[in-house]
């Protein structure tokens, strides 16, 4: 059901350039911080170009308190990263926090360059 809702929201915000404004307002009225609302909208739109920082932000968002932000982050990662590198993480957004954090660390080691 969440995936259908996301498809509807994508179509809806694509109707006009300022269509995202009422959605952002609604998110904030429901307790989303401005940063969470921005992430939600960015992840809903997706990315034209991807950088290491984009991947880092998406991986970090997999530990968000908001399930929908975790879902959107994983959807975006699945569009960026080859499927064979993401297969074991497909249920990550719904995992308990301790399991999720261990998996995120493994994913971080797999996808992000070491400093």
PDB file of N, CA and C in Angstrom:
ATOM      1  N   UNK A   1       0.810  -1.188   0.000  1.00  0.00           N
ATOM      2  CA  UNK A   1       0.000   0.000   0.000  1.00  0.00           C
ATOM      3  C   UNK A   1       0.865   1.268   0.000  1.00  0.00           C
ATOM      4  N   UNK A   2       1.987   1.227   0.754  1.00  0.00           N
ATOM      5  CA  UNK A   2       2.866   2.399   0.791  1.00  0.00           C
ATOM      6  C   UNK A   2       3.417   2.723  -0.596  1.00  0.00           C
ATOM      7  N   UNK A   3       3.729   1.690  -1.374  1.00  0.00           N
ATOM      8  CA  UNK A   3       4.302   1.917  -2.699  1.00  0.00           C
ATOM      9  C   UNK A   3       3.273   2.549  -3.642  1.00  0.00           C
ATOM     10  N   UNK A   4       2.030   2.151  -3.516  1.00  0.00           N
ATOM     11  CA  UNK A   4       0.971   2.761  -4.326  1.00  0.00           C
ATOM     12  C   UNK A   4       0.811   4.229  -3.931  1.00  0.00           C
ATOM     13  N   UNK A   5       0.820   4.496  -2.637  1.00  0.00           N
ATOM     14  CA  UNK A   5       0.694   5.881  -2.164  1.00  0.00           C
ATOM     15  C   UNK A   5       1.853   6.732  -2.686  1.00  0.00           C
ATOM     16  N   UNK A   6       3.049   6.169  -2.707  1.00  0.00           N
ATOM     17  CA  UNK A   6       4.203   6.919  -3.221  1.00  0.00           C
ATOM     18  C   UNK A   6       4.049   7.215  -4.710  1.00  0.00           C
ATOM     19  N   UNK A   7       3.550   6.252  -5.474  1.00  0.00           N
ATOM     20  CA  UNK A   7       3.309   6.487  -6.904  1.00  0.00           C
ATOM     21  C   UNK A   7       2.292   7.603  -7.112  1.00  0.00           C
ATOM     22  N   UNK A   8       1.237   7.602  -6.310  1.00  0.00           N
ATOM     23  CA  UNK A   8       0.220   8.654  -6.419  1.00  0.00           C
ATOM     24  C   UNK A   8       0.824  10.009  -6.067  1.00  0.00           C
ATOM     25  N   UNK A   9       1.611  10.071  -4.998  1.00  0.00           N
ATOM     26  CA  UNK A   9       2.248  11.338  -4.610  1.00  0.00           C
ATOM     27  C   UNK A   9       3.215  11.837  -5.685  1.00  0.00           C
ATOM     28  N   UNK A  10       3.973  10.918  -6.288  1.00  0.00           N
ATOM     29  CA  UNK A  10       4.888  11.331  -7.364  1.00  0.00           C
ATOM     30  C   UNK A  10       4.114  11.954  -8.523  1.00  0.00           C
ATOM     31  N   UNK A  11       3.036  11.318  -8.906  1.00  0.00           N
ATOM     32  CA  UNK A  11       2.216  11.850 -10.000  1.00  0.00           C
ATOM     33  C   UNK A  11       1.614  13.194  -9.602  1.00  0.00           C
ATOM     34  N   UNK A  12       1.156  13.296  -8.369  1.00  0.00           N
ATOM     35  CA  UNK A  12       0.500  14.517  -7.909  1.00  0.00           C
ATOM     36  C   UNK A  12       1.463  15.702  -7.869  1.00  0.00           C
ATOM     37  N   UNK A  13       2.683  15.494  -7.317  1.00  0.00           N
ATOM     38  CA  UNK A  13       3.618  16.628  -7.230  1.00  0.00           C
ATOM     39  C   UNK A  13       4.173  16.995  -8.603  1.00  0.00           C
ATOM     40  N   UNK A  14       4.034  16.118  -9.575  1.00  0.00           N
ATOM     41  CA  UNK A  14       4.503  16.412 -10.911  1.00  0.00           C
ATOM     42  C   UNK A  14       3.537  17.243 -11.738  1.00  0.00           C
ATOM     43  N   UNK A  15       2.384  17.547 -11.204  1.00  0.00           N
ATOM     44  CA  UNK A  15       1.372  18.290 -11.952  1.00  0.00           C
ATOM     45  C   UNK A  15       1.769  19.732 -12.226  1.00  0.00           C
ATOM     46  N   UNK A  16       2.401  20.375 -11.253  1.00  0.00           N
ATOM     47  CA  UNK A  16       2.803  21.784 -11.386  1.00  0.00           C
ATOM     48  C   UNK A  16       4.118  21.987 -10.629  1.00  0.00           C
ATOM     49  N   UNK A  17       4.868  23.015 -10.994  1.00  0.00           N
ATOM     50  CA  UNK A  17       6.148  23.258 -10.306  1.00  0.00           C
ATOM     51  C   UNK A  17       6.020  23.495  -8.799  1.00  0.00           C
ATOM     52  N   UNK A  18       4.931  24.091  -8.337  1.00  0.00           N
ATOM     53  CA  UNK A  18       4.791  24.391  -6.906  1.00  0.00           C
ATOM     54  C   UNK A  18       3.885  23.402  -6.171  1.00  0.00           C
ATOM     55  N   UNK A  19       3.599  22.294  -6.806  1.00  0.00           N
ATOM     56  CA  UNK A  19       2.662  21.314  -6.237  1.00  0.00           C
ATOM     57  C   UNK A  19       3.186  20.688  -4.939  1.00  0.00           C
ATOM     58  N   UNK A  20       4.490  20.701  -4.743  1.00  0.00           N
ATOM     59  CA  UNK A  20       5.069  20.099  -3.543  1.00  0.00           C
ATOM     60  C   UNK A  20       4.783  20.921  -2.272  1.00  0.00           C
ATOM     61  N   UNK A  21       4.447  22.195  -2.418  1.00  0.00           N
ATOM     62  CA  UNK A  21       4.276  23.076  -1.255  1.00  0.00           C
ATOM     63  C   UNK A  21       3.172  22.592  -0.313  1.00  0.00           C
ATOM     64  N   UNK A  22       1.968  22.256  -0.806  1.00  0.00           N
ATOM     65  CA  UNK A  22       0.953  21.753   0.133  1.00  0.00           C
ATOM     66  C   UNK A  22       1.349  20.427   0.792  1.00  0.00           C
ATOM     67  N   UNK A  23       2.094  19.604   0.069  1.00  0.00           N
ATOM     68  CA  UNK A  23       2.550  18.342   0.662  1.00  0.00           C
ATOM     69  C   UNK A  23       3.550  18.613   1.772  1.00  0.00           C
ATOM     70  N   UNK A  24       4.483  19.536   1.539  1.00  0.00           N
ATOM     71  CA  UNK A  24       5.459  19.884   2.575  1.00  0.00           C
ATOM     72  C   UNK A  24       4.747  20.447   3.809  1.00  0.00           C
ATOM     73  N   UNK A  25       3.772  21.303   3.596  1.00  0.00           N
ATOM     74  CA  UNK A  25       2.999  21.870   4.703  1.00  0.00           C
ATOM     75  C   UNK A  25       2.285  20.771   5.478  1.00  0.00           C
ATOM     76  N   UNK A  26       1.679  19.839   4.757  1.00  0.00           N
ATOM     77  CA  UNK A  26       0.969  18.730   5.410  1.00  0.00           C
ATOM     78  C   UNK A  26       1.925  17.866   6.227  1.00  0.00           C
ATOM     79  N   UNK A  27       3.109  17.613   5.696  1.00  0.00           N
ATOM     80  CA  UNK A  27       4.098  16.822   6.437  1.00  0.00           C
ATOM     81  C   UNK A  27       4.484  17.518   7.738  1.00  0.00           C
ATOM     82  N   UNK A  28       4.743  18.818   7.661  1.00  0.00           N
ATOM     83  CA  UNK A  28       5.129  19.561   8.866  1.00  0.00           C
ATOM     84  C   UNK A  28       3.976  19.623   9.865  1.00  0.00           C
ATOM     85  N   UNK A  29       2.739  19.709   9.383  1.00  0.00           N
ATOM     86  CA  UNK A  29       1.585  19.708  10.288  1.00  0.00           C
ATOM     87  C   UNK A  29       1.437  18.365  10.993  1.00  0.00           C
ATOM     88  N   UNK A  30       1.976  17.328  10.405  1.00  0.00           N
ATOM     89  CA  UNK A  30       1.909  15.994  11.002  1.00  0.00           C
ATOM     90  C   UNK A  30       3.158  15.639  11.800  1.00  0.00           C
ATOM     91  N   UNK A  31       3.972  16.655  12.103  1.00  0.00           N
ATOM     92  CA  UNK A  31       5.097  16.451  12.998  1.00  0.00           C
ATOM     93  C   UNK A  31       6.441  16.208  12.342  1.00  0.00           C
ATOM     94  N   UNK A  32       6.514  16.272  11.028  1.00  0.00           N
ATOM     95  CA  UNK A  32       7.807  16.142  10.356  1.00  0.00           C
ATOM     96  C   UNK A  32       8.597  17.433  10.578  1.00  0.00           C
ATOM     97  N   UNK A  33       9.875  17.285  10.868  1.00  0.00           N
ATOM     98  CA  UNK A  33      10.737  18.466  10.954  1.00  0.00           C
ATOM     99  C   UNK A  33      10.941  19.001   9.537  1.00  0.00           C
ATOM    100  N   UNK A  34      11.371  20.256   9.406  1.00  0.00           N
ATOM    101  CA  UNK A  34      11.665  20.776   8.060  1.00  0.00           C
ATOM    102  C   UNK A  34      12.674  19.901   7.308  1.00  0.00           C
ATOM    103  N   UNK A  35      13.688  19.391   8.011  1.00  0.00           N
ATOM    104  CA  UNK A  35      14.674  18.524   7.365  1.00  0.00           C
ATOM    105  C   UNK A  35      14.037  17.213   6.886  1.00  0.00           C
ATOM    106  N   UNK A  36      13.183  16.623   7.716  1.00  0.00           N
ATOM    107  CA  UNK A  36      12.504  15.388   7.310  1.00  0.00           C
ATOM    108  C   UNK A  36      11.594  15.630   6.111  1.00  0.00           C
ATOM    109  N   UNK A  37      10.893  16.752   6.109  1.00  0.00           N
ATOM    110  CA  UNK A  37      10.023  17.082   4.972  1.00  0.00           C
ATOM    111  C   UNK A  37      10.848  17.264   3.710  1.00  0.00           C
ATOM    112  N   UNK A  38      11.990  17.936   3.821  1.00  0.00           N
ATOM    113  CA  UNK A  38      12.871  18.118   2.660  1.00  0.00           C
ATOM    114  C   UNK A  38      13.386  16.778   2.140  1.00  0.00           C
ATOM    115  N   UNK A  39      13.821  15.906   3.061  1.00  0.00           N
ATOM    116  CA  UNK A  39      14.292  14.579   2.655  1.00  0.00           C
ATOM    117  C   UNK A  39      13.182  13.799   1.956  1.00  0.00           C
ATOM    118  N   UNK A  40      11.992  13.819   2.545  1.00  0.00           N
ATOM    119  CA  UNK A  40      10.852  13.109   1.964  1.00  0.00           C
ATOM    120  C   UNK A  40      10.630  13.566   0.525  1.00  0.00           C
ATOM    121  N   UNK A  41      10.592  14.874   0.319  1.00  0.00           N
ATOM    122  CA  UNK A  41      10.339  15.411  -1.019  1.00  0.00           C
ATOM    123  C   UNK A  41      11.480  15.091  -1.980  1.00  0.00           C
ATOM    124  N   UNK A  42      12.716  15.217  -1.530  1.00  0.00           N
ATOM    125  CA  UNK A  42      13.855  14.897  -2.393  1.00  0.00           C
ATOM    126  C   UNK A  42      13.839  13.423  -2.782  1.00  0.00           C
ATOM    127  N   UNK A  43      13.603  12.552  -1.805  1.00  0.00           N
ATOM    128  CA  UNK A  43      13.604  11.119  -2.084  1.00  0.00           C
ATOM    129  C   UNK A  43      12.403  10.732  -2.952  1.00  0.00           C
ATOM    130  N   UNK A  44      11.314  11.423  -2.786  1.00  0.00           N
ATOM    131  CA  UNK A  44      10.137  11.163  -3.622  1.00  0.00           C
ATOM    132  C   UNK A  44      10.449  11.518  -5.081  1.00  0.00           C
ATOM    133  N   UNK A  45      11.151  12.619  -5.294  1.00  0.00           N
ATOM    134  CA  UNK A  45      11.516  13.052  -6.652  1.00  0.00           C
ATOM    135  C   UNK A  45      12.612  12.182  -7.246  1.00  0.00           C
ATOM    136  N   UNK A  46      13.549  11.726  -6.403  1.00  0.00           N
ATOM    137  CA  UNK A  46      14.689  10.962  -6.891  1.00  0.00           C
ATOM    138  C   UNK A  46      15.829  11.880  -7.303  1.00  0.00           C
ATOM    139  N   UNK A  47      16.825  11.301  -7.931  1.00  0.00           N
ATOM    140  CA  UNK A  47      18.044  12.030  -8.292  1.00  0.00           C
ATOM    141  C   UNK A  47      18.352  11.882  -9.770  1.00  0.00           C
ATOM    142  N   UNK A  48      18.784  12.991 -10.381  1.00  0.00           N
ATOM    143  CA  UNK A  48      19.270  12.947 -11.758  1.00  0.00           C
ATOM    144  C   UNK A  48      20.741  12.558 -11.781  1.00  0.00           C
ATOM    145  N   UNK A  49      21.503  13.113 -10.839  1.00  0.00           N
ATOM    146  CA  UNK A  49      22.917  12.797 -10.717  1.00  0.00           C
ATOM    147  C   UNK A  49      23.196  12.348  -9.290  1.00  0.00           C
ATOM    148  N   UNK A  50      24.076  11.378  -9.184  1.00  0.00           N
ATOM    149  CA  UNK A  50      24.380  10.807  -7.877  1.00  0.00           C
ATOM    150  C   UNK A  50      25.854  11.010  -7.558  1.00  0.00           C
ATOM    151  N   UNK A  51      26.100  11.441  -6.328  1.00  0.00           N
ATOM    152  CA  UNK A  51      27.462  11.603  -5.834  1.00  0.00           C
ATOM    153  C   UNK A  51      27.667  10.673  -4.644  1.00  0.00           C
ATOM    154  N   UNK A  52      28.901  10.592  -4.187  1.00  0.00           N
ATOM    155  CA  UNK A  52      29.179   9.804  -2.980  1.00  0.00           C
ATOM    156  C   UNK A  52      28.407  10.371  -1.794  1.00  0.00           C
ATOM    157  N   UNK A  53      28.254  11.698  -1.748  1.00  0.00           N
ATOM    158  CA  UNK A  53      27.498  12.328  -0.660  1.00  0.00           C
ATOM    159  C   UNK A  53      26.020  11.936  -0.723  1.00  0.00           C
ATOM    160  N   UNK A  54      25.468  11.810  -1.919  1.00  0.00           N
ATOM    161  CA  UNK A  54      24.085  11.363  -2.078  1.00  0.00           C
ATOM    162  C   UNK A  54      23.926   9.966  -1.500  1.00  0.00           C
ATOM    163  N   UNK A  55      24.835   9.085  -1.860  1.00  0.00           N
ATOM    164  CA  UNK A  55      24.780   7.705  -1.359  1.00  0.00           C
ATOM    165  C   UNK A  55      24.922   7.697   0.153  1.00  0.00           C
ATOM    166  N   UNK A  56      25.823   8.489   0.675  1.00  0.00           N
ATOM    167  CA  UNK A  56      26.029   8.577   2.139  1.00  0.00           C
ATOM    168  C   UNK A  56      24.738   9.028   2.832  1.00  0.00           C
ATOM    169  N   UNK A  57      24.092  10.046   2.278  1.00  0.00           N
ATOM    170  CA  UNK A  57      22.854  10.548   2.871  1.00  0.00           C
ATOM    171  C   UNK A  57      21.746   9.487   2.815  1.00  0.00           C
ATOM    172  N   UNK A  58      21.652   8.783   1.707  1.00  0.00           N
ATOM    173  CA  UNK A  58      20.634   7.734   1.581  1.00  0.00           C
ATOM    174  C   UNK A  58      20.889   6.613   2.586  1.00  0.00           C
ATOM    175  N   UNK A  59      22.139   6.202   2.715  1.00  0.00           N
ATOM    176  CA  UNK A  59      22.475   5.147   3.681  1.00  0.00           C
ATOM    177  C   UNK A  59      22.168   5.614   5.096  1.00  0.00           C
ATOM    178  N   UNK A  60      22.553   6.843   5.430  1.00  0.00           N
ATOM    179  CA  UNK A  60      22.260   7.380   6.764  1.00  0.00           C
ATOM    180  C   UNK A  60      20.753   7.433   7.018  1.00  0.00           C
ATOM    181  N   UNK A  61      19.978   7.719   5.991  1.00  0.00           N
ATOM    182  CA  UNK A  61      18.519   7.825   6.137  1.00  0.00           C
ATOM    183  C   UNK A  61      17.851   6.485   6.386  1.00  0.00           C
ATOM    184  N   UNK A  62      18.562   5.399   6.163  1.00  0.00           N
ATOM    185  CA  UNK A  62      18.000   4.078   6.448  1.00  0.00           C
ATOM    186  C   UNK A  62      17.795   3.866   7.947  1.00  0.00           C
ATOM    187  N   UNK A  63      18.337   4.762   8.756  1.00  0.00           N
ATOM    188  CA  UNK A  63      18.149   4.686  10.204  1.00  0.00           C
ATOM    189  C   UNK A  63      17.228   5.792  10.709  1.00  0.00           C
ATOM    190  N   UNK A  64      16.489   6.419   9.814  1.00  0.00           N
ATOM    191  CA  UNK A  64      15.539   7.466  10.206  1.00  0.00           C
ATOM    192  C   UNK A  64      14.467   6.898  11.130  1.00  0.00           C
ATOM    193  N   UNK A  65      13.925   7.749  11.975  1.00  0.00           N
ATOM    194  CA  UNK A  65      12.796   7.344  12.818  1.00  0.00           C
ATOM    195  C   UNK A  65      11.527   7.143  11.992  1.00  0.00           C
ATOM    196  N   UNK A  66      11.495   7.709  10.804  1.00  0.00           N
ATOM    197  CA  UNK A  66      10.316   7.648   9.935  1.00  0.00           C
ATOM    198  C   UNK A  66      10.442   6.494   8.945  1.00  0.00           C
ATOM    199  N   UNK A  67       9.521   5.538   9.038  1.00  0.00           N
ATOM    200  CA  UNK A  67       9.535   4.389   8.132  1.00  0.00           C
ATOM    201  C   UNK A  67       9.507   4.830   6.675  1.00  0.00           C
ATOM    202  N   UNK A  68       8.701   5.805   6.335  1.00  0.00           N
ATOM    203  CA  UNK A  68       8.579   6.206   4.941  1.00  0.00           C
ATOM    204  C   UNK A  68       9.882   6.801   4.412  1.00  0.00           C
ATOM    205  N   UNK A  69      10.636   7.484   5.235  1.00  0.00           N
ATOM    206  CA  UNK A  69      11.938   7.998   4.794  1.00  0.00           C
ATOM    207  C   UNK A  69      12.902   6.838   4.593  1.00  0.00           C
ATOM    208  N   UNK A  70      12.857   5.839   5.480  1.00  0.00           N
ATOM    209  CA  UNK A  70      13.694   4.649   5.284  1.00  0.00           C
ATOM    210  C   UNK A  70      13.334   3.947   3.975  1.00  0.00           C
ATOM    211  N   UNK A  71      12.035   3.797   3.711  1.00  0.00           N
ATOM    212  CA  UNK A  71      11.578   3.160   2.466  1.00  0.00           C
ATOM    213  C   UNK A  71      12.056   3.922   1.247  1.00  0.00           C
ATOM    214  N   UNK A  72      11.868   5.238   1.252  1.00  0.00           N
ATOM    215  CA  UNK A  72      12.272   6.055   0.107  1.00  0.00           C
ATOM    216  C   UNK A  72      13.787   6.028  -0.091  1.00  0.00           C
ATOM    217  N   UNK A  73      14.540   6.027   0.997  1.00  0.00           N
ATOM    218  CA  UNK A  73      15.995   5.938   0.881  1.00  0.00           C
ATOM    219  C   UNK A  73      16.386   4.620   0.221  1.00  0.00           C
ATOM    220  N   UNK A  74      15.760   3.526   0.631  1.00  0.00           N
ATOM    221  CA  UNK A  74      16.074   2.228   0.043  1.00  0.00           C
ATOM    222  C   UNK A  74      15.653   2.167  -1.424  1.00  0.00           C
ATOM    223  N   UNK A  75      14.504   2.729  -1.753  1.00  0.00           N
ATOM    224  CA  UNK A  75      14.064   2.765  -3.151  1.00  0.00           C
ATOM    225  C   UNK A  75      15.099   3.488  -4.000  1.00  0.00           C
ATOM    226  N   UNK A  76      15.571   4.639  -3.531  1.00  0.00           N
ATOM    227  CA  UNK A  76      16.577   5.390  -4.274  1.00  0.00           C
ATOM    228  C   UNK A  76      17.891   4.628  -4.380  1.00  0.00           C
ATOM    229  N   UNK A  77      18.313   3.977  -3.305  1.00  0.00           N
ATOM    230  CA  UNK A  77      19.538   3.180  -3.368  1.00  0.00           C
ATOM    231  C   UNK A  77      19.396   2.041  -4.373  1.00  0.00           C
ATOM    232  N   UNK A  78      18.224   1.422  -4.419  1.00  0.00           N
ATOM    233  CA  UNK A  78      18.000   0.335  -5.366  1.00  0.00           C
ATOM    234  C   UNK A  78      18.053   0.817  -6.815  1.00  0.00           C
ATOM    235  N   UNK A  79      17.790   2.088  -7.039  1.00  0.00           N
ATOM    236  CA  UNK A  79      17.880   2.642  -8.386  1.00  0.00           C
ATOM    237  C   UNK A  79      19.319   2.998  -8.759  1.00  0.00           C
ATOM    238  N   UNK A  80      20.169   3.159  -7.749  1.00  0.00           N
ATOM    239  CA  UNK A  80      21.547   3.598  -7.957  1.00  0.00           C
ATOM    240  C   UNK A  80      22.529   2.429  -7.960  1.00  0.00           C
ATOM    241  N   UNK A  81      22.326   1.501  -7.044  1.00  0.00           N
ATOM    242  CA  UNK A  81      23.280   0.422  -6.792  1.00  0.00           C
ATOM    243  C   UNK A  81      22.835  -0.834  -7.540  1.00  0.00           C
ATOM    244  N   UNK A  82      23.769  -1.574  -8.131  1.00  0.00           N
ATOM    245  CA  UNK A  82      23.396  -2.816  -8.810  1.00  0.00           C
ATOM    246  C   UNK A  82      22.637  -3.762  -7.867  1.00  0.00           C
ATOM    247  N   UNK A  83      21.602  -4.429  -8.376  1.00  0.00           N
ATOM    248  CA  UNK A  83      20.741  -5.269  -7.534  1.00  0.00           C
ATOM    249  C   UNK A  83      21.473  -6.336  -6.730  1.00  0.00           C
ATOM    250  N   UNK A  84      22.525  -6.928  -7.297  1.00  0.00           N
ATOM    251  CA  UNK A  84      23.241  -7.975  -6.572  1.00  0.00           C
ATOM    252  C   UNK A  84      23.924  -7.452  -5.310  1.00  0.00           C
ATOM    253  N   UNK A  85      24.162  -6.146  -5.240  1.00  0.00           N
ATOM    254  CA  UNK A  85      24.794  -5.561  -4.052  1.00  0.00           C
ATOM    255  C   UNK A  85      23.768  -5.146  -2.998  1.00  0.00           C
ATOM    256  N   UNK A  86      22.473  -5.183  -3.361  1.00  0.00           N
ATOM    257  CA  UNK A  86      21.415  -4.715  -2.454  1.00  0.00           C
ATOM    258  C   UNK A  86      20.463  -5.816  -2.010  1.00  0.00           C
ATOM    259  N   UNK A  87      20.554  -7.003  -2.589  1.00  0.00           N
ATOM    260  CA  UNK A  87      19.586  -8.062  -2.352  1.00  0.00           C
ATOM    261  C   UNK A  87      19.327  -8.340  -0.866  1.00  0.00           C
ATOM    262  N   UNK A  88      20.357  -8.458  -0.089  1.00  0.00           N
ATOM    263  CA  UNK A  88      20.192  -8.820   1.326  1.00  0.00           C
ATOM    264  C   UNK A  88      19.614  -7.686   2.181  1.00  0.00           C
ATOM    265  N   UNK A  89      19.464  -6.500   1.602  1.00  0.00           N
ATOM    266  CA  UNK A  89      18.975  -5.346   2.361  1.00  0.00           C
ATOM    267  C   UNK A  89      17.532  -4.987   2.025  1.00  0.00           C
ATOM    268  N   UNK A  90      16.851  -5.815   1.260  1.00  0.00           N
ATOM    269  CA  UNK A  90      15.522  -5.465   0.752  1.00  0.00           C
ATOM    270  C   UNK A  90      14.485  -5.224   1.847  1.00  0.00           C
ATOM    271  N   UNK A  91      14.621  -5.835   3.000  1.00  0.00           N
ATOM    272  CA  UNK A  91      13.658  -5.652   4.091  1.00  0.00           C
ATOM    273  C   UNK A  91      14.193  -4.742   5.192  1.00  0.00           C
ATOM    274  N   UNK A  92      15.268  -4.074   4.926  1.00  0.00           N
ATOM    275  CA  UNK A  92      15.934  -3.250   5.935  1.00  0.00           C
ATOM    276  C   UNK A  92      15.025  -2.217   6.605  1.00  0.00           C
ATOM    277  N   UNK A  93      14.171  -1.491   5.872  1.00  0.00           N
ATOM    278  CA  UNK A  93      13.366  -0.455   6.537  1.00  0.00           C
ATOM    279  C   UNK A  93      12.451  -0.962   7.643  1.00  0.00           C
ATOM    280  N   UNK A  94      12.034  -2.206   7.582  1.00  0.00           N
ATOM    281  CA  UNK A  94      11.093  -2.708   8.595  1.00  0.00           C
ATOM    282  C   UNK A  94      11.768  -3.519   9.701  1.00  0.00           C
ATOM    283  N   UNK A  95      13.079  -3.604   9.663  1.00  0.00           N
ATOM    284  CA  UNK A  95      13.800  -4.352  10.686  1.00  0.00           C
ATOM    285  C   UNK A  95      13.859  -3.564  11.999  1.00  0.00           C
ATOM    286  N   UNK A  96      13.997  -4.266  13.125  1.00  0.00           N
ATOM    287  CA  UNK A  96      14.178  -3.567  14.409  1.00  0.00           C
ATOM    288  C   UNK A  96      15.450  -2.716  14.366  1.00  0.00           C
ATOM    289  N   UNK A  97      15.490  -1.649  15.164  1.00  0.00           N
ATOM    290  CA  UNK A  97      16.626  -0.715  15.118  1.00  0.00           C
ATOM    291  C   UNK A  97      18.002  -1.368  15.259  1.00  0.00           C
ATOM    292  N   UNK A  98      18.171  -2.327  16.149  1.00  0.00           N
ATOM    293  CA  UNK A  98      19.501  -2.928  16.331  1.00  0.00           C
ATOM    294  C   UNK A  98      19.925  -3.729  15.104  1.00  0.00           C
ATOM    295  N   UNK A  99      19.017  -4.466  14.504  1.00  0.00           N
ATOM    296  CA  UNK A  99      19.307  -5.222  13.279  1.00  0.00           C
ATOM    297  C   UNK A  99      19.593  -4.247  12.140  1.00  0.00           C
ATOM    298  N   UNK A 100      18.780  -3.205  12.067  1.00  0.00           N
ATOM    299  CA  UNK A 100      18.926  -2.202  11.018  1.00  0.00           C
ATOM    300  C   UNK A 100      20.299  -1.529  11.105  1.00  0.00           C
ATOM    301  N   UNK A 101      20.733  -1.173  12.293  1.00  0.00           N
ATOM    302  CA  UNK A 101      22.017  -0.476  12.446  1.00  0.00           C
ATOM    303  C   UNK A 101      23.203  -1.350  12.028  1.00  0.00           C
ATOM    304  N   UNK A 102      23.147  -2.633  12.349  1.00  0.00           N
ATOM    305  CA  UNK A 102      24.220  -3.538  11.914  1.00  0.00           C
ATOM    306  C   UNK A 102      24.238  -3.659  10.391  1.00  0.00           C
ATOM    307  N   UNK A 103      23.064  -3.780   9.791  1.00  0.00           N
ATOM    308  CA  UNK A 103      22.971  -3.897   8.334  1.00  0.00           C
ATOM    309  C   UNK A 103      23.419  -2.605   7.654  1.00  0.00           C
ATOM    310  N   UNK A 104      23.072  -1.475   8.245  1.00  0.00           N
ATOM    311  CA  UNK A 104      23.476  -0.182   7.676  1.00  0.00           C
ATOM    312  C   UNK A 104      25.002  -0.066   7.687  1.00  0.00           C
ATOM    313  N   UNK A 105      25.623  -0.501   8.751  1.00  0.00           N
ATOM    314  CA  UNK A 105      27.086  -0.449   8.819  1.00  0.00           C
ATOM    315  C   UNK A 105      27.705  -1.334   7.738  1.00  0.00           C
ATOM    316  N   UNK A 106      27.139  -2.520   7.533  1.00  0.00           N
ATOM    317  CA  UNK A 106      27.626  -3.406   6.467  1.00  0.00           C
ATOM    318  C   UNK A 106      27.430  -2.754   5.099  1.00  0.00           C
ATOM    319  N   UNK A 107      26.284  -2.119   4.900  1.00  0.00           N
ATOM    320  CA  UNK A 107      26.004  -1.452   3.633  1.00  0.00           C
ATOM    321  C   UNK A 107      26.936  -0.260   3.433  1.00  0.00           C
ATOM    322  N   UNK A 108      27.181   0.479   4.488  1.00  0.00           N
ATOM    323  CA  UNK A 108      28.096   1.626   4.437  1.00  0.00           C
ATOM    324  C   UNK A 108      29.497   1.149   4.002  1.00  0.00           C
ATOM    325  N   UNK A 109      29.964   0.050   4.584  1.00  0.00           N
ATOM    326  CA  UNK A 109      31.274  -0.503   4.230  1.00  0.00           C
ATOM    327  C   UNK A 109      31.308  -0.988   2.783  1.00  0.00           C
ATOM    328  N   UNK A 110      30.200  -1.460   2.299  1.00  0.00           N
ATOM    329  CA  UNK A 110      30.107  -1.980   0.943  1.00  0.00           C
ATOM    330  C   UNK A 110      30.056  -0.863  -0.104  1.00  0.00           C
ATOM    331  N   UNK A 111      29.353   0.229   0.208  1.00  0.00           N
ATOM    332  CA  UNK A 111      29.078   1.240  -0.809  1.00  0.00           C
ATOM    333  C   UNK A 111      29.922   2.494  -0.739  1.00  0.00           C
ATOM    334  N   UNK A 112      30.395   2.842   0.432  1.00  0.00           N
ATOM    335  CA  UNK A 112      31.056   4.137   0.589  1.00  0.00           C
ATOM    336  C   UNK A 112      32.571   3.992   0.657  1.00  0.00           C
ATOM    337  N   UNK A 113      33.265   4.875  -0.035  1.00  0.00           N
ATOM    338  CA  UNK A 113      34.741   4.818   0.011  1.00  0.00           C
ATOM    339  C   UNK A 113      35.243   5.146   1.412  1.00  0.00           C
ATOM    340  N   UNK A 114      36.287   4.491   1.775  1.00  0.00           N
ATOM    341  CA  UNK A 114      36.887   4.762   3.084  1.00  0.00           C
ATOM    342  C   UNK A 114      37.737   6.026   2.994  1.00  0.00           C
ATOM    343  N   UNK A 115      37.703   6.857   4.057  1.00  0.00           N
ATOM    344  CA  UNK A 115      38.497   8.100   4.039  1.00  0.00           C
ATOM    345  C   UNK A 115      39.981   7.833   4.069  1.00  0.00           C
TER     346      UNK A 115
END
